[in-house]
Amino acid sequence: MHYKILVVEDETDINALLADILRTEGYGVMQAFSGTEAKLLIEKELPDLILLDLMLPGLSGETFLRCIREDMHIETPVLILSAKSALKDKVELLKAGADDYITKPFEPEEVTVRVLAALRRSGKKSGSCNVLRYKQMKLDADSRVVTVSDRELILTAHEYDILYLLMQTPGKVYSREKIYELVWKGGYYGENNTVNVHVSNLRKKIKEAGADEEYIQTVYGIGFKLG
């Protein structure tokens, strides 16, 4: 199935960037440049997910969100895009019916991971390629099954999410902060050893499955990558 995502963003360049990111992942894209235009679009065709900026001409993002949740009773997942990073802003929008919150500036990988997660939570599956491969490893995003040389890895939810993130862009270095933010959906604190422990467990399981080399590499002083 080909899923459609509505991008509601008044900045032309950002709107175009988001559309490119999503089309590259295999999604269909609808674009709106104001809250009023977005409302008209969803009255004609309901998307599978909405990426919503807050500072919009016409209807603001907050007003648009309340409108679709309270007046139109639309349950489509909504991911907020905003430069506001204060915890109280995020909490208020989540209470108002948003499903997730992406802070500007954002990385393309963050957008794709959060979109996929929101579609999964809503019971939808990704419209993009659902099988990722790297050397002897295969990850099926629909079943959340990972195998190395056809031997299945028994992973925790967070171990799987870390591996999925790394396999989307092999060679890209992710800091511990970024991994924690994307996988645990929260702020990272330097003394937290959670990411290191999960990566260590992943390495052990991959090796035990028969991998003949180290798949997850440490980039000292920065973080981790697949390579």
Foldseek 3Di string as FASTA:
>chain_A
DAFEEEEEAQPPVVQVVLCVLQVVQRHHYHYHNALVRVVVVCVVPNGQEYEAEAPGPDQGRLRSLLCCVPPVVDLRAYEYEEQDDDPVVQVVVVVSRHDYYDHPPDDSLLVVLVVQVSCVVVVHHGSGDQWFDDVQWIAGNVVRWIAGVNHTFDADQLLSSLVVSQRVDAPDFAFPQRSCCRRVVDGDDPVDCVVVVSVVVNQVRNVVNPDPDGQWDADPPGGIHGD
